[in-house]
Amino acid sequence: MNIEKVKIKIDSYKGQTLQFRFNGSRNQVEEFSATIIDTYPSIFLVKLEDSSQVKSFSYSDVLIKKLVLTVVA
C-alpha cells in the first residue's frame, strides 16, 4: 500500500465514526473512538466522541501502522 491509497481510503471514511489505536512512544497505546472531520494534503483531523477535542494525524502514521483504524459497525 502506498500513501496515495491511504489518502483515498481515509477520505472515503470522512464523516464516519471509527475506532483508533495510536501506538505512541515508549510503548504508550491510546485507544479512542472518533470521527474524521476533514482531510488535507498531509494530515487529517479527527474529533473525539466523548469530548470536543480535535486531533491531527499524518497519512504516514497509518502507512507505518503507528495508527490503526477500525470501522465501527
C-alpha atoms as a PDB file:
ATOM      1  CA  MET A   1       0.000   0.000   0.000  1.00  0.00           C
ATOM      2  CA  ASN A   2       1.273   3.474  -0.781  1.00  0.00           C
ATOM      3  CA  ILE A   3       0.484   6.897   0.674  1.00  0.00           C
ATOM      4  CA  GLU A   4      -1.950   7.821  -2.123  1.00  0.00           C
ATOM      5  CA  LYS A   5      -4.071   4.735  -1.411  1.00  0.00           C
ATOM      6  CA  VAL A   6      -4.072   5.624   2.299  1.00  0.00           C
ATOM      7  CA  LYS A   7      -5.279   9.167   1.489  1.00  0.00           C
ATOM      8  CA  ILE A   8      -8.099   7.844  -0.717  1.00  0.00           C
ATOM      9  CA  LYS A   9      -9.180   5.287   1.899  1.00  0.00           C
ATOM     10  CA  ILE A  10      -9.199   7.829   4.742  1.00  0.00           C
ATOM     11  CA  ASP A  11     -11.095  10.328   2.595  1.00  0.00           C
ATOM     12  CA  SER A  12     -13.748   7.651   1.980  1.00  0.00           C
ATOM     13  CA  TYR A  13     -14.214   7.344   5.770  1.00  0.00           C
ATOM     14  CA  LYS A  14     -14.841  11.087   6.187  1.00  0.00           C
ATOM     15  CA  GLY A  15     -17.842  11.644   8.485  1.00  0.00           C
ATOM     16  CA  GLN A  16     -17.843   8.082   9.832  1.00  0.00           C
ATOM     17  CA  THR A  17     -17.126   7.032  13.404  1.00  0.00           C
ATOM     18  CA  LEU A  18     -14.064   4.817  13.656  1.00  0.00           C
ATOM     19  CA  GLN A  19     -12.090   3.131  16.408  1.00  0.00           C
ATOM     20  CA  PHE A  20      -8.487   4.379  16.556  1.00  0.00           C
ATOM     21  CA  ARG A  21      -5.443   2.771  18.154  1.00  0.00           C
ATOM     22  CA  PHE A  22      -2.376   5.018  18.314  1.00  0.00           C
ATOM     23  CA  ASN A  23       0.963   3.431  19.235  1.00  0.00           C
ATOM     24  CA  GLY A  24       2.928   6.287  20.746  1.00  0.00           C
ATOM     25  CA  SER A  25       6.440   6.474  22.070  1.00  0.00           C
ATOM     26  CA  ARG A  26       7.711   4.292  24.906  1.00  0.00           C
ATOM     27  CA  ASN A  27       5.021   1.648  24.365  1.00  0.00           C
ATOM     28  CA  GLN A  28       2.182   4.053  25.164  1.00  0.00           C
ATOM     29  CA  VAL A  29      -1.018   2.963  23.431  1.00  0.00           C
ATOM     30  CA  GLU A  30      -4.056   5.218  23.160  1.00  0.00           C
ATOM     31  CA  GLU A  31      -7.429   3.868  22.013  1.00  0.00           C
ATOM     32  CA  PHE A  32     -10.417   6.086  21.261  1.00  0.00           C
ATOM     33  CA  SER A  33     -13.489   6.485  19.057  1.00  0.00           C
ATOM     34  CA  ALA A  34     -13.550   9.489  16.756  1.00  0.00           C
ATOM     35  CA  THR A  35     -14.999  10.888  13.542  1.00  0.00           C
ATOM     36  CA  ILE A  36     -12.835  12.024  10.633  1.00  0.00           C
ATOM     37  CA  ILE A  37     -13.921  15.628  10.130  1.00  0.00           C
ATOM     38  CA  ASP A  38     -11.535  16.892   7.457  1.00  0.00           C
ATOM     39  CA  THR A  39      -8.704  15.782   5.202  1.00  0.00           C
ATOM     40  CA  TYR A  40      -5.792  17.840   3.929  1.00  0.00           C
ATOM     41  CA  PRO A  41      -2.845  17.015   1.627  1.00  0.00           C
ATOM     42  CA  SER A  42      -0.535  15.970   4.503  1.00  0.00           C
ATOM     43  CA  ILE A  43      -2.803  15.414   7.532  1.00  0.00           C
ATOM     44  CA  PHE A  44      -6.346  14.561   8.552  1.00  0.00           C
ATOM     45  CA  LEU A  45      -8.383  15.749  11.541  1.00  0.00           C
ATOM     46  CA  VAL A  46     -10.499  13.639  13.879  1.00  0.00           C
ATOM     47  CA  LYS A  47     -12.968  14.742  16.555  1.00  0.00           C
ATOM     48  CA  LEU A  48     -13.133  12.547  19.642  1.00  0.00           C
ATOM     49  CA  GLU A  49     -16.544  11.115  20.512  1.00  0.00           C
ATOM     50  CA  ASP A  50     -16.501  11.787  24.261  1.00  0.00           C
ATOM     51  CA  SER A  51     -15.194  15.368  24.100  1.00  0.00           C
ATOM     52  CA  SER A  52     -14.814  18.316  21.770  1.00  0.00           C
ATOM     53  CA  GLN A  53     -11.103  17.596  21.374  1.00  0.00           C
ATOM     54  CA  VAL A  54      -9.699  17.525  17.832  1.00  0.00           C
ATOM     55  CA  LYS A  55      -6.537  15.599  16.942  1.00  0.00           C
ATOM     56  CA  SER A  56      -4.478  15.562  13.776  1.00  0.00           C
ATOM     57  CA  PHE A  57      -2.583  12.665  12.255  1.00  0.00           C
ATOM     58  CA  SER A  58      -0.459  12.234   9.172  1.00  0.00           C
ATOM     59  CA  TYR A  59      -1.150   9.663   6.496  1.00  0.00           C
ATOM     60  CA  SER A  60       2.288   8.204   7.119  1.00  0.00           C
ATOM     61  CA  ASP A  61       1.140   7.266  10.669  1.00  0.00           C
ATOM     62  CA  VAL A  62      -1.383   4.934   9.029  1.00  0.00           C
ATOM     63  CA  LEU A  63       1.094   3.724   6.414  1.00  0.00           C
ATOM     64  CA  ILE A  64       3.674   2.623   9.001  1.00  0.00           C
ATOM     65  CA  LYS A  65       0.915   1.247  11.272  1.00  0.00           C
ATOM     66  CA  LYS A  66       1.578   3.688  14.085  1.00  0.00           C
ATOM     67  CA  LEU A  67      -2.145   4.495  13.828  1.00  0.00           C
ATOM     68  CA  VAL A  68      -4.651   1.698  13.172  1.00  0.00           C
ATOM     69  CA  LEU A  69      -8.236   2.488  12.113  1.00  0.00           C
ATOM     70  CA  THR A  70     -11.132   0.075  12.572  1.00  0.00           C
ATOM     71  CA  VAL A  71     -14.654   0.652  11.245  1.00  0.00           C
ATOM     72  CA  VAL A  72     -17.311   0.593  13.989  1.00  0.00           C
ATOM     73  CA  ALA A  73     -20.327  -1.430  12.906  1.00  0.00           C
END
